[in-house]
PDB file of all heavy atoms in Angstrom:
ATOM      1  N   GLY A   1     -74.199  56.926 -95.842  1.00  0.00           N
ATOM      2  CA  GLY A   1     -73.289  55.815 -96.009  1.00  0.00           C
ATOM      3  C   GLY A   1     -72.629  55.429 -94.715  1.00  0.00           C
ATOM      4  O   GLY A   1     -73.039  55.847 -93.633  1.00  0.00           O
ATOM      5  N   LEU A   2     -71.597  54.618 -94.830  1.00  0.00           N
ATOM      6  CA  LEU A   2     -70.822  54.140 -93.690  1.00  0.00           C
ATOM      7  C   LEU A   2     -69.509  54.900 -93.621  1.00  0.00           C
ATOM      8  O   LEU A   2     -68.794  55.009 -94.624  1.00  0.00           O
ATOM      9  CB  LEU A   2     -70.562  52.637 -93.824  1.00  0.00           C
ATOM     10  CG  LEU A   2     -69.680  51.990 -92.765  1.00  0.00           C
ATOM     11  CD1 LEU A   2     -70.341  52.068 -91.399  1.00  0.00           C
ATOM     12  CD2 LEU A   2     -69.390  50.544 -93.144  1.00  0.00           C
ATOM     13  N   VAL A   3     -69.191  55.420 -92.438  1.00  0.00           N
ATOM     14  CA  VAL A   3     -67.978  56.200 -92.262  1.00  0.00           C
ATOM     15  C   VAL A   3     -67.378  55.893 -90.898  1.00  0.00           C
ATOM     16  O   VAL A   3     -68.092  55.567 -89.947  1.00  0.00           O
ATOM     17  CB  VAL A   3     -68.268  57.714 -92.411  1.00  0.00           C
ATOM     18  CG1 VAL A   3     -69.192  58.202 -91.302  1.00  0.00           C
ATOM     19  CG2 VAL A   3     -66.983  58.519 -92.434  1.00  0.00           C
ATOM     20  N   GLN A   4     -66.070  55.991 -90.801  1.00  0.00           N
ATOM     21  CA  GLN A   4     -65.374  55.784 -89.545  1.00  0.00           C
ATOM     22  C   GLN A   4     -65.518  57.007 -88.644  1.00  0.00           C
ATOM     23  O   GLN A   4     -65.658  58.132 -89.126  1.00  0.00           O
ATOM     24  CB  GLN A   4     -63.894  55.496 -89.810  1.00  0.00           C
ATOM     25  CG  GLN A   4     -63.090  55.100 -88.585  1.00  0.00           C
ATOM     26  CD  GLN A   4     -61.652  54.761 -88.926  1.00  0.00           C
ATOM     27  OE1 GLN A   4     -61.294  54.653 -90.096  1.00  0.00           O
ATOM     28  NE2 GLN A   4     -60.816  54.589 -87.906  1.00  0.00           N
ATOM     29  N   ALA A   5     -65.509  56.789 -87.344  1.00  0.00           N
ATOM     30  CA  ALA A   5     -65.572  57.897 -86.400  1.00  0.00           C
ATOM     31  C   ALA A   5     -64.483  58.918 -86.705  1.00  0.00           C
ATOM     32  O   ALA A   5     -63.332  58.561 -86.963  1.00  0.00           O
ATOM     33  CB  ALA A   5     -65.439  57.388 -84.974  1.00  0.00           C
ATOM     34  N   GLY A   6     -64.868  60.194 -86.666  1.00  0.00           N
ATOM     35  CA  GLY A   6     -63.959  61.267 -87.014  1.00  0.00           C
ATOM     36  C   GLY A   6     -64.015  61.672 -88.473  1.00  0.00           C
ATOM     37  O   GLY A   6     -63.456  62.713 -88.845  1.00  0.00           O
ATOM     38  N   GLY A   7     -64.693  60.893 -89.282  1.00  0.00           N
ATOM     39  CA  GLY A   7     -64.808  61.186 -90.697  1.00  0.00           C
ATOM     40  C   GLY A   7     -65.923  62.155 -91.002  1.00  0.00           C
ATOM     41  O   GLY A   7     -66.568  62.709 -90.110  1.00  0.00           O
ATOM     42  N   SER A   8     -66.167  62.344 -92.294  1.00  0.00           N
ATOM     43  CA  SER A   8     -67.142  63.330 -92.750  1.00  0.00           C
ATOM     44  C   SER A   8     -68.046  62.754 -93.830  1.00  0.00           C
ATOM     45  O   SER A   8     -67.657  61.850 -94.579  1.00  0.00           O
ATOM     46  CB  SER A   8     -66.431  64.569 -93.315  1.00  0.00           C
ATOM     47  OG  SER A   8     -65.633  65.204 -92.343  1.00  0.00           O
ATOM     48  N   LEU A   9     -69.247  63.292 -93.902  1.00  0.00           N
ATOM     49  CA  LEU A   9     -70.195  63.011 -94.963  1.00  0.00           C
ATOM     50  C   LEU A   9     -70.946  64.290 -95.291  1.00  0.00           C
ATOM     51  O   LEU A   9     -71.102  65.153 -94.435  1.00  0.00           O
ATOM     52  CB  LEU A   9     -71.208  61.931 -94.557  1.00  0.00           C
ATOM     53  CG  LEU A   9     -70.737  60.479 -94.486  1.00  0.00           C
ATOM     54  CD1 LEU A   9     -71.852  59.612 -93.892  1.00  0.00           C
ATOM     55  CD2 LEU A   9     -70.351  59.965 -95.864  1.00  0.00           C
ATOM     56  N   ARG A  10     -71.423  64.392 -96.518  1.00  0.00           N
ATOM     57  CA  ARG A  10     -72.282  65.504 -96.902  1.00  0.00           C
ATOM     58  C   ARG A  10     -73.576  64.967 -97.477  1.00  0.00           C
ATOM     59  O   ARG A  10     -73.577  64.243 -98.478  1.00  0.00           O
ATOM     60  CB  ARG A  10     -71.611  66.427 -97.928  1.00  0.00           C
ATOM     61  CG  ARG A  10     -72.425  67.705 -98.167  1.00  0.00           C
ATOM     62  CD  ARG A  10     -71.787  68.647 -99.161  1.00  0.00           C
ATOM     63  NE  ARG A  10     -71.923  68.186-100.539  1.00  0.00           N
ATOM     64  CZ  ARG A  10     -71.735  68.948-101.613  1.00  0.00           C
ATOM     65  NH1 ARG A  10     -71.387  70.232-101.459  1.00  0.00           N
ATOM     66  NH2 ARG A  10     -71.864  68.437-102.820  1.00  0.00           N
ATOM     67  N   LEU A  11     -74.678  65.321 -96.835  1.00  0.00           N
ATOM     68  CA  LEU A  11     -75.993  64.943 -97.305  1.00  0.00           C
ATOM     69  C   LEU A  11     -76.564  66.041 -98.188  1.00  0.00           C
ATOM     70  O   LEU A  11     -76.315  67.225 -97.969  1.00  0.00           O
ATOM     71  CB  LEU A  11     -76.940  64.688 -96.131  1.00  0.00           C
ATOM     72  CG  LEU A  11     -76.468  63.705 -95.063  1.00  0.00           C
ATOM     73  CD1 LEU A  11     -77.557  63.524 -94.008  1.00  0.00           C
ATOM     74  CD2 LEU A  11     -76.084  62.371 -95.680  1.00  0.00           C
ATOM     75  N   SER A  12     -77.347  65.642 -99.172  1.00  0.00           N
ATOM     76  CA  SER A  12     -78.002  66.583-100.063  1.00  0.00           C
ATOM     77  C   SER A  12     -79.492  66.286-100.109  1.00  0.00           C
ATOM     78  O   SER A  12     -79.916  65.142 -99.952  1.00  0.00           O
ATOM     79  CB  SER A  12     -77.420  66.502-101.479  1.00  0.00           C
ATOM     80  OG  SER A  12     -76.045  66.798-101.486  1.00  0.00           O
ATOM     81  N   CYS A  13     -80.269  67.324-100.344  1.00  0.00           N
ATOM     82  CA  CYS A  13     -81.715  67.188-100.457  1.00  0.00           C
ATOM     83  C   CYS A  13     -82.195  68.121-101.555  1.00  0.00           C
ATOM     84  O   CYS A  13     -81.936  69.324-101.503  1.00  0.00           O
ATOM     85  CB  CYS A  13     -82.398  67.509 -99.130  1.00  0.00           C
ATOM     86  SG  CYS A  13     -84.204  67.488 -99.191  1.00  0.00           S
ATOM     87  N   ALA A  14     -82.892  67.570-102.534  1.00  0.00           N
ATOM     88  CA  ALA A  14     -83.383  68.342-103.666  1.00  0.00           C
ATOM     89  C   ALA A  14     -84.905  68.249-103.723  1.00  0.00           C
ATOM     90  O   ALA A  14     -85.445  67.239-104.183  1.00  0.00           O
ATOM     91  CB  ALA A  14     -82.761  67.841-104.959  1.00  0.00           C
ATOM     92  N   PRO A  15     -85.607  69.276-103.270  1.00  0.00           N
ATOM     93  CA  PRO A  15     -87.065  69.251-103.325  1.00  0.00           C
ATOM     94  C   PRO A  15     -87.587  69.616-104.705  1.00  0.00           C
ATOM     95  O   PRO A  15     -86.998  70.434-105.412  1.00  0.00           O
ATOM     96  CB  PRO A  15     -87.466  70.300-102.291  1.00  0.00           C
ATOM     97  CG  PRO A  15     -86.351  71.291-102.321  1.00  0.00           C
ATOM     98  CD  PRO A  15     -85.104  70.486-102.589  1.00  0.00           C
ATOM     99  N   SER A  16     -88.710  69.025-105.063  1.00  0.00           N
ATOM    100  CA  SER A  16     -89.361  69.310-106.337  1.00  0.00           C
ATOM    101  C   SER A  16     -90.313  70.486-106.162  1.00  0.00           C
ATOM    102  O   SER A  16     -91.540  70.323-106.116  1.00  0.00           O
ATOM    103  CB  SER A  16     -90.106  68.080-106.849  1.00  0.00           C
ATOM    104  OG  SER A  16     -91.106  67.667-105.929  1.00  0.00           O
ATOM    105  N   VAL A  17     -89.741  71.681-106.067  1.00  0.00           N
ATOM    106  CA  VAL A  17     -90.517  72.894-105.868  1.00  0.00           C
ATOM    107  C   VAL A  17     -90.165  73.907-106.943  1.00  0.00           C
ATOM    108  O   VAL A  17     -89.208  73.728-107.693  1.00  0.00           O
ATOM    109  CB  VAL A  17     -90.282  73.508-104.473  1.00  0.00           C
ATOM    110  CG1 VAL A  17     -90.696  72.532-103.382  1.00  0.00           C
ATOM    111  CG2 VAL A  17     -88.822  73.900-104.311  1.00  0.00           C
ATOM    112  N   GLY A  18     -90.942  74.989-106.987  1.00  0.00           N
ATOM    113  CA  GLY A  18     -90.679  76.053-107.943  1.00  0.00           C
ATOM    114  C   GLY A  18     -89.601  76.991-107.465  1.00  0.00           C
ATOM    115  O   GLY A  18     -88.430  76.824-107.794  1.00  0.00           O
ATOM    116  N   THR A  19     -90.004  77.977-106.646  1.00  0.00           N
ATOM    117  CA  THR A  19     -89.062  78.942-106.093  1.00  0.00           C
ATOM    118  C   THR A  19     -88.552  78.419-104.758  1.00  0.00           C
ATOM    119  O   THR A  19     -89.228  78.523-103.738  1.00  0.00           O
ATOM    120  CB  THR A  19     -89.720  80.312-105.920  1.00  0.00           C
ATOM    121  OG1 THR A  19     -90.257  80.748-107.168  1.00  0.00           O
ATOM    122  CG2 THR A  19     -88.693  81.331-105.440  1.00  0.00           C
ATOM    123  N   PHE A  20     -87.353  77.884-104.763  1.00  0.00           N
ATOM    124  CA  PHE A  20     -86.806  77.226-103.579  1.00  0.00           C
ATOM    125  C   PHE A  20     -86.592  78.197-102.430  1.00  0.00           C
ATOM    126  O   PHE A  20     -86.687  77.811-101.261  1.00  0.00           O
ATOM    127  CB  PHE A  20     -85.495  76.524-103.958  1.00  0.00           C
ATOM    128  CG  PHE A  20     -84.849  75.782-102.829  1.00  0.00           C
ATOM    129  CD1 PHE A  20     -85.461  74.696-102.249  1.00  0.00           C
ATOM    130  CD2 PHE A  20     -83.603  76.183-102.359  1.00  0.00           C
ATOM    131  CE1 PHE A  20     -84.860  74.005-101.210  1.00  0.00           C
ATOM    132  CE2 PHE A  20     -82.989  75.497-101.329  1.00  0.00           C
ATOM    133  CZ  PHE A  20     -83.619  74.410-100.761  1.00  0.00           C
ATOM    134  N   SER A  21     -86.306  79.453-102.742  1.00  0.00           N
ATOM    135  CA  SER A  21     -86.031  80.438-101.704  1.00  0.00           C
ATOM    136  C   SER A  21     -87.236  80.700-100.801  1.00  0.00           C
ATOM    137  O   SER A  21     -87.082  81.257 -99.720  1.00  0.00           O
ATOM    138  CB  SER A  21     -85.558  81.757-102.323  1.00  0.00           C
ATOM    139  OG  SER A  21     -86.543  82.300-103.188  1.00  0.00           O
ATOM    140  N   GLY A  22     -88.416  80.307-101.212  1.00  0.00           N
ATOM    141  CA  GLY A  22     -89.608  80.504-100.416  1.00  0.00           C
ATOM    142  C   GLY A  22     -89.859  79.422 -99.376  1.00  0.00           C
ATOM    143  O   GLY A  22     -90.880  79.464 -98.683  1.00  0.00           O
ATOM    144  N   TRP A  23     -88.954  78.481 -99.263  1.00  0.00           N
ATOM    145  CA  TRP A  23     -89.129  77.342 -98.373  1.00  0.00           C
ATOM    146  C   TRP A  23     -88.104  77.329 -97.253  1.00  0.00           C
ATOM    147  O   TRP A  23     -86.915  77.569 -97.480  1.00  0.00           O
ATOM    148  CB  TRP A  23     -89.007  76.031 -99.160  1.00  0.00           C
ATOM    149  CG  TRP A  23     -90.101  75.827-100.155  1.00  0.00           C
ATOM    150  CD1 TRP A  23     -90.212  76.408-101.384  1.00  0.00           C
ATOM    151  CD2 TRP A  23     -91.239  74.977-100.013  1.00  0.00           C
ATOM    152  NE1 TRP A  23     -91.353  75.979-102.015  1.00  0.00           N
ATOM    153  CE2 TRP A  23     -92.003  75.098-101.190  1.00  0.00           C
ATOM    154  CE3 TRP A  23     -91.682  74.132 -99.002  1.00  0.00           C
ATOM    155  CZ2 TRP A  23     -93.182  74.399-101.385  1.00  0.00           C
ATOM    156  CZ3 TRP A  23     -92.858  73.432 -99.190  1.00  0.00           C
ATOM    157  CH2 TRP A  23     -93.595  73.572-100.372  1.00  0.00           C
ATOM    158  N   VAL A  24     -88.562  77.048 -96.038  1.00  0.00           N
ATOM    159  CA  VAL A  24     -87.676  76.738 -94.927  1.00  0.00           C
ATOM    160  C   VAL A  24     -87.275  75.273 -95.052  1.00  0.00           C
ATOM    161  O   VAL A  24     -88.118  74.410 -95.312  1.00  0.00           O
ATOM    162  CB  VAL A  24     -88.359  76.988 -93.579  1.00  0.00           C
ATOM    163  CG1 VAL A  24     -87.469  76.529 -92.432  1.00  0.00           C
ATOM    164  CG2 VAL A  24     -88.711  78.458 -93.428  1.00  0.00           C
ATOM    165  N   MET A  25     -86.007  74.991 -94.855  1.00  0.00           N
ATOM    166  CA  MET A  25     -85.498  73.632 -94.951  1.00  0.00           C
ATOM    167  C   MET A  25     -84.911  73.200 -93.615  1.00  0.00           C
ATOM    168  O   MET A  25     -84.341  74.010 -92.881  1.00  0.00           O
ATOM    169  CB  MET A  25     -84.434  73.521 -96.040  1.00  0.00           C
ATOM    170  CG  MET A  25     -84.912  73.934 -97.429  1.00  0.00           C
ATOM    171  SD  MET A  25     -86.273  72.905 -98.047  1.00  0.00           S
ATOM    172  CE  MET A  25     -85.489  71.280 -98.072  1.00  0.00           C
ATOM    173  N   GLY A  26     -85.042  71.919 -93.318  1.00  0.00           N
ATOM    174  CA  GLY A  26     -84.510  71.395 -92.079  1.00  0.00           C
ATOM    175  C   GLY A  26     -84.025  69.965 -92.228  1.00  0.00           C
ATOM    176  O   GLY A  26     -84.377  69.266 -93.183  1.00  0.00           O
ATOM    177  N   TRP A  27     -83.205  69.561 -91.271  1.00  0.00           N
ATOM    178  CA  TRP A  27     -82.731  68.183 -91.188  1.00  0.00           C
ATOM    179  C   TRP A  27     -83.094  67.618 -89.820  1.00  0.00           C
ATOM    180  O   TRP A  27     -82.904  68.282 -88.786  1.00  0.00           O
ATOM    181  CB  TRP A  27     -81.217  68.088 -91.389  1.00  0.00           C
ATOM    182  CG  TRP A  27     -80.763  68.310 -92.802  1.00  0.00           C
ATOM    183  CD1 TRP A  27     -80.308  69.468 -93.347  1.00  0.00           C
ATOM    184  CD2 TRP A  27     -80.715  67.334 -93.843  1.00  0.00           C
ATOM    185  NE1 TRP A  27     -79.973  69.278 -94.664  1.00  0.00           N
ATOM    186  CE2 TRP A  27     -80.214  67.971 -95.004  1.00  0.00           C
ATOM    187  CE3 TRP A  27     -81.035  65.978 -93.916  1.00  0.00           C
ATOM    188  CZ2 TRP A  27     -80.031  67.312 -96.212  1.00  0.00           C
ATOM    189  CZ3 TRP A  27     -80.863  65.318 -95.123  1.00  0.00           C
ATOM    190  CH2 TRP A  27     -80.367  65.983 -96.246  1.00  0.00           C
ATOM    191  N   PHE A  28     -83.609  66.406 -89.822  1.00  0.00           N
ATOM    192  CA  PHE A  28     -83.902  65.655 -88.611  1.00  0.00           C
ATOM    193  C   PHE A  28     -83.226  64.297 -88.706  1.00  0.00           C
ATOM    194  O   PHE A  28     -82.804  63.879 -89.783  1.00  0.00           O
ATOM    195  CB  PHE A  28     -85.415  65.480 -88.424  1.00  0.00           C
ATOM    196  CG  PHE A  28     -86.148  66.746 -88.092  1.00  0.00           C
ATOM    197  CD1 PHE A  28     -86.389  67.708 -89.061  1.00  0.00           C
ATOM    198  CD2 PHE A  28     -86.605  66.978 -86.800  1.00  0.00           C
ATOM    199  CE1 PHE A  28     -87.063  68.875 -88.761  1.00  0.00           C
ATOM    200  CE2 PHE A  28     -87.291  68.142 -86.487  1.00  0.00           C
ATOM    201  CZ  PHE A  28     -87.516  69.089 -87.465  1.00  0.00           C
ATOM    202  N   ARG A  29     -83.134  63.599 -87.581  1.00  0.00           N
ATOM    203  CA  ARG A  29     -82.568  62.260 -87.604  1.00  0.00           C
ATOM    204  C   ARG A  29     -83.283  61.379 -86.594  1.00  0.00           C
ATOM    205  O   ARG A  29     -83.843  61.856 -85.610  1.00  0.00           O
ATOM    206  CB  ARG A  29     -81.060  62.285 -87.322  1.00  0.00           C
ATOM    207  CG  ARG A  29     -80.685  62.690 -85.901  1.00  0.00           C
ATOM    208  CD  ARG A  29     -79.182  62.789 -85.766  1.00  0.00           C
ATOM    209  NE  ARG A  29     -78.767  63.123 -84.414  1.00  0.00           N
ATOM    210  CZ  ARG A  29     -77.515  63.351 -84.054  1.00  0.00           C
ATOM    211  NH1 ARG A  29     -76.533  63.284 -84.956  1.00  0.00           N
ATOM    212  NH2 ARG A  29     -77.228  63.647 -82.794  1.00  0.00           N
ATOM    213  N   GLN A  30     -83.239  60.082 -86.849  1.00  0.00           N
ATOM    214  CA  GLN A  30     -83.860  59.112 -85.966  1.00  0.00           C
ATOM    215  C   GLN A  30     -82.933  57.919 -85.814  1.00  0.00           C
ATOM    216  O   GLN A  30     -82.683  57.192 -86.778  1.00  0.00           O
ATOM    217  CB  GLN A  30     -85.222  58.665 -86.501  1.00  0.00           C
ATOM    218  CG  GLN A  30     -85.989  57.780 -85.547  1.00  0.00           C
ATOM    219  CD  GLN A  30     -87.421  57.575 -85.976  1.00  0.00           C
ATOM    220  OE1 GLN A  30     -87.774  57.774 -87.142  1.00  0.00           O
ATOM    221  NE2 GLN A  30     -88.270  57.176 -85.041  1.00  0.00           N
ATOM    222  N   ALA A  31     -82.430  57.735 -84.603  1.00  0.00           N
ATOM    223  CA  ALA A  31     -81.572  56.607 -84.286  1.00  0.00           C
ATOM    224  C   ALA A  31     -82.428  55.397 -83.937  1.00  0.00           C
ATOM    225  O   ALA A  31     -83.600  55.538 -83.564  1.00  0.00           O
ATOM    226  CB  ALA A  31     -80.642  56.960 -83.130  1.00  0.00           C
ATOM    227  N   PRO A  32     -81.867  54.191 -84.032  1.00  0.00           N
ATOM    228  CA  PRO A  32     -82.638  52.994 -83.695  1.00  0.00           C
ATOM    229  C   PRO A  32     -83.202  53.057 -82.276  1.00  0.00           C
ATOM    230  O   PRO A  32     -82.473  53.335 -81.323  1.00  0.00           O
ATOM    231  CB  PRO A  32     -81.616  51.870 -83.834  1.00  0.00           C
ATOM    232  CG  PRO A  32     -80.618  52.393 -84.815  1.00  0.00           C
ATOM    233  CD  PRO A  32     -80.523  53.863 -84.524  1.00  0.00           C
ATOM    234  N   GLY A  33     -84.494  52.827 -82.147  1.00  0.00           N
ATOM    235  CA  GLY A  33     -85.141  52.853 -80.850  1.00  0.00           C
ATOM    236  C   GLY A  33     -85.363  54.226 -80.269  1.00  0.00           C
ATOM    237  O   GLY A  33     -85.795  54.331 -79.110  1.00  0.00           O
TER     238      GLY A  33
END
């Protein structure tokens, strides 16, 4: 979403898997350009 500088957000990710503990999870980002 949109937030002011200094603010906070929490992202969530729910994979459609069986045993979740068997998976490595990561976050990446891509800025414009």
